[in-house]
C-alpha atoms as a PDB file:
ATOM      1  CA  UNK A   1       3.907 -29.187   2.292  1.00  0.00           C
ATOM      2  CA  UNK A   2       7.099 -30.238   0.820  1.00  0.00           C
ATOM      3  CA  UNK A   3       8.496 -33.732   0.867  1.00  0.00           C
ATOM      4  CA  UNK A   4      11.962 -34.352   2.610  1.00  0.00           C
ATOM      5  CA  UNK A   5      13.876 -37.289   0.945  1.00  0.00           C
ATOM      6  CA  UNK A   6      16.527 -39.351   2.136  1.00  0.00           C
ATOM      7  CA  UNK A   7      18.739 -38.796  -0.942  1.00  0.00           C
ATOM      8  CA  UNK A   8      19.598 -35.503  -3.103  1.00  0.00           C
ATOM      9  CA  UNK A   9      18.249 -37.207  -6.231  1.00  0.00           C
ATOM     10  CA  UNK A  10      14.830 -38.810  -6.964  1.00  0.00           C
ATOM     11  CA  UNK A  11      15.960 -42.316  -5.889  1.00  0.00           C
ATOM     12  CA  UNK A  12      15.637 -41.468  -1.991  1.00  0.00           C
ATOM     13  CA  UNK A  13      12.380 -42.209  -0.136  1.00  0.00           C
ATOM     14  CA  UNK A  14      10.401 -39.678   1.442  1.00  0.00           C
ATOM     15  CA  UNK A  15      11.052 -39.587   5.139  1.00  0.00           C
ATOM     16  CA  UNK A  16       9.071 -36.582   6.331  1.00  0.00           C
ATOM     17  CA  UNK A  17       7.134 -33.569   5.170  1.00  0.00           C
ATOM     18  CA  UNK A  18       7.594 -29.857   5.957  1.00  0.00           C
ATOM     19  CA  UNK A  19       4.818 -27.431   6.219  1.00  0.00           C
ATOM     20  CA  UNK A  20       5.019 -23.777   5.134  1.00  0.00           C
ATOM     21  CA  UNK A  21       6.562 -21.547   7.944  1.00  0.00           C
ATOM     22  CA  UNK A  22       8.622 -24.453   9.617  1.00  0.00           C
ATOM     23  CA  UNK A  23      12.217 -23.874  10.365  1.00  0.00           C
ATOM     24  CA  UNK A  24      14.962 -26.102   9.182  1.00  0.00           C
ATOM     25  CA  UNK A  25      18.758 -25.848   9.588  1.00  0.00           C
ATOM     26  CA  UNK A  26      20.519 -26.009   6.427  1.00  0.00           C
ATOM     27  CA  UNK A  27      23.646 -28.434   6.329  1.00  0.00           C
ATOM     28  CA  UNK A  28      24.924 -28.019   2.919  1.00  0.00           C
ATOM     29  CA  UNK A  29      23.954 -27.498  -0.727  1.00  0.00           C
ATOM     30  CA  UNK A  30      24.372 -29.643  -3.870  1.00  0.00           C
ATOM     31  CA  UNK A  31      23.245 -28.103  -7.071  1.00  0.00           C
ATOM     32  CA  UNK A  32      19.518 -27.531  -6.561  1.00  0.00           C
ATOM     33  CA  UNK A  33      19.297 -29.810  -3.354  1.00  0.00           C
ATOM     34  CA  UNK A  34      19.965 -28.605   0.253  1.00  0.00           C
ATOM     35  CA  UNK A  35      20.631 -31.071   2.980  1.00  0.00           C
ATOM     36  CA  UNK A  36      18.547 -29.943   6.120  1.00  0.00           C
ATOM     37  CA  UNK A  37      18.168 -30.987   9.558  1.00  0.00           C
ATOM     38  CA  UNK A  38      14.507 -30.975  10.779  1.00  0.00           C
ATOM     39  CA  UNK A  39      13.157 -29.687  14.332  1.00  0.00           C
ATOM     40  CA  UNK A  40      12.933 -33.511  15.530  1.00  0.00           C
ATOM     41  CA  UNK A  41      16.586 -33.888  14.696  1.00  0.00           C
ATOM     42  CA  UNK A  42      16.300 -36.062  11.561  1.00  0.00           C
ATOM     43  CA  UNK A  43      17.790 -34.937   8.415  1.00  0.00           C
ATOM     44  CA  UNK A  44      17.031 -35.034   4.676  1.00  0.00           C
ATOM     45  CA  UNK A  45      17.111 -33.267   1.358  1.00  0.00           C
ATOM     46  CA  UNK A  46      14.632 -30.531  -0.078  1.00  0.00           C
ATOM     47  CA  UNK A  47      14.860 -28.620  -3.271  1.00  0.00           C
ATOM     48  CA  UNK A  48      16.434 -25.376  -2.847  1.00  0.00           C
ATOM     49  CA  UNK A  49      13.622 -23.469  -4.566  1.00  0.00           C
ATOM     50  CA  UNK A  50      11.348 -24.601  -1.694  1.00  0.00           C
ATOM     51  CA  UNK A  51      13.416 -22.747   0.941  1.00  0.00           C
ATOM     52  CA  UNK A  52      13.242 -18.962   1.795  1.00  0.00           C
ATOM     53  CA  UNK A  53      15.054 -16.997   4.398  1.00  0.00           C
ATOM     54  CA  UNK A  54      11.962 -14.723   4.675  1.00  0.00           C
ATOM     55  CA  UNK A  55       8.996 -14.938   7.010  1.00  0.00           C
ATOM     56  CA  UNK A  56       6.168 -16.776   5.321  1.00  0.00           C
ATOM     57  CA  UNK A  57       3.648 -14.431   3.785  1.00  0.00           C
ATOM     58  CA  UNK A  58       0.752 -15.456   5.967  1.00  0.00           C
ATOM     59  CA  UNK A  59       2.578 -14.657   9.045  1.00  0.00           C
ATOM     60  CA  UNK A  60       3.445 -11.087   7.582  1.00  0.00           C
ATOM     61  CA  UNK A  61      -0.021 -10.571   6.490  1.00  0.00           C
ATOM     62  CA  UNK A  62      -1.534 -11.394  10.012  1.00  0.00           C
ATOM     63  CA  UNK A  63       0.924  -8.977  11.511  1.00  0.00           C
ATOM     64  CA  UNK A  64       0.013  -6.257   8.972  1.00  0.00           C
ATOM     65  CA  UNK A  65      -3.832  -6.968   9.535  1.00  0.00           C
ATOM     66  CA  UNK A  66      -3.138  -6.589  13.348  1.00  0.00           C
ATOM     67  CA  UNK A  67      -1.149  -3.354  12.546  1.00  0.00           C
ATOM     68  CA  UNK A  68      -3.899  -1.885  10.511  1.00  0.00           C
ATOM     69  CA  UNK A  69      -6.735  -2.868  13.369  1.00  0.00           C
ATOM     70  CA  UNK A  70      -4.650  -1.174  15.955  1.00  0.00           C
ATOM     71  CA  UNK A  71      -4.229   1.805  13.930  1.00  0.00           C
ATOM     72  CA  UNK A  72      -7.815   2.301  12.944  1.00  0.00           C
ATOM     73  CA  UNK A  73      -8.545   2.096  16.649  1.00  0.00           C
ATOM     74  CA  UNK A  74      -6.112   4.669  17.378  1.00  0.00           C
ATOM     75  CA  UNK A  75      -7.499   6.891  14.661  1.00  0.00           C
ATOM     76  CA  UNK A  76     -11.178   6.484  16.012  1.00  0.00           C
ATOM     77  CA  UNK A  77      -9.929   7.477  19.537  1.00  0.00           C
ATOM     78  CA  UNK A  78      -8.249  10.537  18.187  1.00  0.00           C
ATOM     79  CA  UNK A  79     -11.079  11.524  15.972  1.00  0.00           C
ATOM     80  CA  UNK A  80     -13.571  11.141  19.263  1.00  0.00           C
ATOM     81  CA  UNK A  81     -11.053  13.194  21.153  1.00  0.00           C
ATOM     82  CA  UNK A  82     -11.090  15.925  18.400  1.00  0.00           C
ATOM     83  CA  UNK A  83     -14.901  16.149  18.235  1.00  0.00           C
ATOM     84  CA  UNK A  84     -14.871  16.449  22.063  1.00  0.00           C
ATOM     85  CA  UNK A  85     -12.370  19.408  21.738  1.00  0.00           C
ATOM     86  CA  UNK A  86     -14.279  21.140  18.999  1.00  0.00           C
ATOM     87  CA  UNK A  87     -17.858  21.054  20.372  1.00  0.00           C
ATOM     88  CA  UNK A  88     -18.541  23.857  22.737  1.00  0.00           C
ATOM     89  CA  UNK A  89     -20.153  23.161  25.853  1.00  0.00           C
ATOM     90  CA  UNK A  90     -23.983  23.164  25.526  1.00  0.00           C
ATOM     91  CA  UNK A  91     -25.940  26.318  26.972  1.00  0.00           C
ATOM     92  CA  UNK A  92     -28.503  25.253  29.791  1.00  0.00           C
ATOM     93  CA  UNK A  93     -31.772  24.485  28.192  1.00  0.00           C
ATOM     94  CA  UNK A  94     -30.564  23.921  24.635  1.00  0.00           C
ATOM     95  CA  UNK A  95     -31.361  20.613  22.777  1.00  0.00           C
ATOM     96  CA  UNK A  96     -27.691  19.608  23.314  1.00  0.00           C
ATOM     97  CA  UNK A  97     -28.087  19.913  27.012  1.00  0.00           C
ATOM     98  CA  UNK A  98     -31.091  17.750  26.968  1.00  0.00           C
ATOM     99  CA  UNK A  99     -29.840  14.482  25.330  1.00  0.00           C
ATOM    100  CA  UNK A 100     -27.899  14.955  22.234  1.00  0.00           C
ATOM    101  CA  UNK A 101     -24.738  13.024  22.395  1.00  0.00           C
ATOM    102  CA  UNK A 102     -21.345  15.027  23.121  1.00  0.00           C
ATOM    103  CA  UNK A 103     -18.935  15.371  20.456  1.00  0.00           C
ATOM    104  CA  UNK A 104     -20.949  13.785  17.911  1.00  0.00           C
ATOM    105  CA  UNK A 105     -20.231  15.105  14.391  1.00  0.00           C
ATOM    106  CA  UNK A 106     -23.487  16.462  12.286  1.00  0.00           C
ATOM    107  CA  UNK A 107     -24.689  13.613  10.131  1.00  0.00           C
ATOM    108  CA  UNK A 108     -22.810  13.282   6.645  1.00  0.00           C
ATOM    109  CA  UNK A 109     -19.771  15.638   7.847  1.00  0.00           C
ATOM    110  CA  UNK A 110     -16.314  14.537   6.896  1.00  0.00           C
ATOM    111  CA  UNK A 111     -13.985  13.849   9.721  1.00  0.00           C
ATOM    112  CA  UNK A 112     -11.281  15.612   7.985  1.00  0.00           C
ATOM    113  CA  UNK A 113     -13.429  18.820   8.079  1.00  0.00           C
ATOM    114  CA  UNK A 114     -13.241  18.578  11.929  1.00  0.00           C
ATOM    115  CA  UNK A 115      -9.542  19.164  11.969  1.00  0.00           C
ATOM    116  CA  UNK A 116      -8.881  22.851  12.830  1.00  0.00           C
ATOM    117  CA  UNK A 117      -6.863  24.883  10.220  1.00  0.00           C
ATOM    118  CA  UNK A 118      -3.689  25.122  12.534  1.00  0.00           C
ATOM    119  CA  UNK A 119      -3.275  21.389  12.282  1.00  0.00           C
ATOM    120  CA  UNK A 120      -3.186  21.455   8.688  1.00  0.00           C
ATOM    121  CA  UNK A 121      -1.200  24.481   7.815  1.00  0.00           C
ATOM    122  CA  UNK A 122       2.118  25.570   9.528  1.00  0.00           C
ATOM    123  CA  UNK A 123       1.861  28.687  11.650  1.00  0.00           C
ATOM    124  CA  UNK A 124      -1.965  29.008  11.335  1.00  0.00           C
ATOM    125  CA  UNK A 125      -1.738  30.271   7.737  1.00  0.00           C
ATOM    126  CA  UNK A 126      -4.632  29.947   5.459  1.00  0.00           C
ATOM    127  CA  UNK A 127      -5.147  26.575   4.122  1.00  0.00           C
ATOM    128  CA  UNK A 128      -3.340  25.684   0.794  1.00  0.00           C
ATOM    129  CA  UNK A 129      -5.243  25.854  -2.280  1.00  0.00           C
ATOM    130  CA  UNK A 130      -6.143  22.913  -4.455  1.00  0.00           C
ATOM    131  CA  UNK A 131      -3.460  22.425  -6.987  1.00  0.00           C
ATOM    132  CA  UNK A 132      -5.147  19.804  -8.995  1.00  0.00           C
ATOM    133  CA  UNK A 133      -7.118  22.030 -11.337  1.00  0.00           C
ATOM    134  CA  UNK A 134      -3.939  23.688 -12.290  1.00  0.00           C
ATOM    135  CA  UNK A 135      -1.932  20.767 -12.677  1.00  0.00           C
ATOM    136  CA  UNK A 136      -4.712  19.115 -14.893  1.00  0.00           C
ATOM    137  CA  UNK A 137      -5.036  22.263 -17.002  1.00  0.00           C
ATOM    138  CA  UNK A 138      -1.172  22.482 -17.689  1.00  0.00           C
ATOM    139  CA  UNK A 139      -1.008  18.896 -18.643  1.00  0.00           C
ATOM    140  CA  UNK A 140      -4.011  19.142 -21.110  1.00  0.00           C
ATOM    141  CA  UNK A 141      -2.353  22.700 -22.308  1.00  0.00           C
ATOM    142  CA  UNK A 142       1.036  20.836 -22.880  1.00  0.00           C
ATOM    143  CA  UNK A 143      -0.693  17.856 -24.744  1.00  0.00           C
ATOM    144  CA  UNK A 144      -2.488  20.233 -27.035  1.00  0.00           C
ATOM    145  CA  UNK A 145       0.575  22.314 -27.712  1.00  0.00           C
ATOM    146  CA  UNK A 146       2.622  19.000 -28.393  1.00  0.00           C
ATOM    147  CA  UNK A 147       0.093  17.625 -30.821  1.00  0.00           C
ATOM    148  CA  UNK A 148      -0.008  20.861 -32.755  1.00  0.00           C
ATOM    149  CA  UNK A 149       3.754  21.100 -32.780  1.00  0.00           C
ATOM    150  CA  UNK A 150       4.081  17.342 -33.907  1.00  0.00           C
ATOM    151  CA  UNK A 151       1.661  17.875 -36.610  1.00  0.00           C
ATOM    152  CA  UNK A 152       3.556  20.906 -37.942  1.00  0.00           C
ATOM    153  CA  UNK A 153       6.888  18.913 -37.958  1.00  0.00           C
ATOM    154  CA  UNK A 154       5.262  16.085 -39.595  1.00  0.00           C
ATOM    155  CA  UNK A 155       3.552  18.252 -42.172  1.00  0.00           C
ATOM    156  CA  UNK A 156       6.934  19.974 -42.925  1.00  0.00           C
ATOM    157  CA  UNK A 157       8.729  16.712 -43.101  1.00  0.00           C
ATOM    158  CA  UNK A 158       6.268  15.079 -45.582  1.00  0.00           C
ATOM    159  CA  UNK A 159       6.421  18.312 -47.844  1.00  0.00           C
ATOM    160  CA  UNK A 160      10.368  18.113 -47.883  1.00  0.00           C
ATOM    161  CA  UNK A 161      10.224  14.506 -48.741  1.00  0.00           C
ATOM    162  CA  UNK A 162       7.810  14.609 -51.341  1.00  0.00           C
ATOM    163  CA  UNK A 163       8.424  17.908 -53.000  1.00  0.00           C
ATOM    164  CA  UNK A 164       5.906  20.246 -51.562  1.00  0.00           C
ATOM    165  CA  UNK A 165       2.972  17.749 -52.040  1.00  0.00           C
ATOM    166  CA  UNK A 166       0.925  16.757 -49.317  1.00  0.00           C
ATOM    167  CA  UNK A 167       0.422  12.871 -49.155  1.00  0.00           C
ATOM    168  CA  UNK A 168      -1.091  11.555 -46.288  1.00  0.00           C
END
């Protein structure tokens, strides 16, 4: 809560308080004080650092939480649809025909493993190989080469500076 004063300096008395998220109309600005009109029609002064044109963080967070919940429901619905499409019709007399839930993934199976390869790769080509082992290997090799070259350059510099003697 922020106090609204009757004057732009500290000599004014408090005439109202404003809560976070309440809208005010800016009338004028004098240094670090802003003359505002409140929702009830009263006007007063507030420090400019307390005002923001952006929506309060609580309101934005609530909106993002609602978006996340909606997207999670959408994903679970799509995963259920995908499981239903991937499971074949049970043969008469099999365990699945007698009571196993339709479209249920085997225990411990990753939902991403349910996706067909054609959804992951363009044109039905084979899935892309994992690149992280190669990237990690190249980074480690580059670091090793860099350390060796750095040590050689430093050794050469020290030998030149001290006349061929190694002083570490």
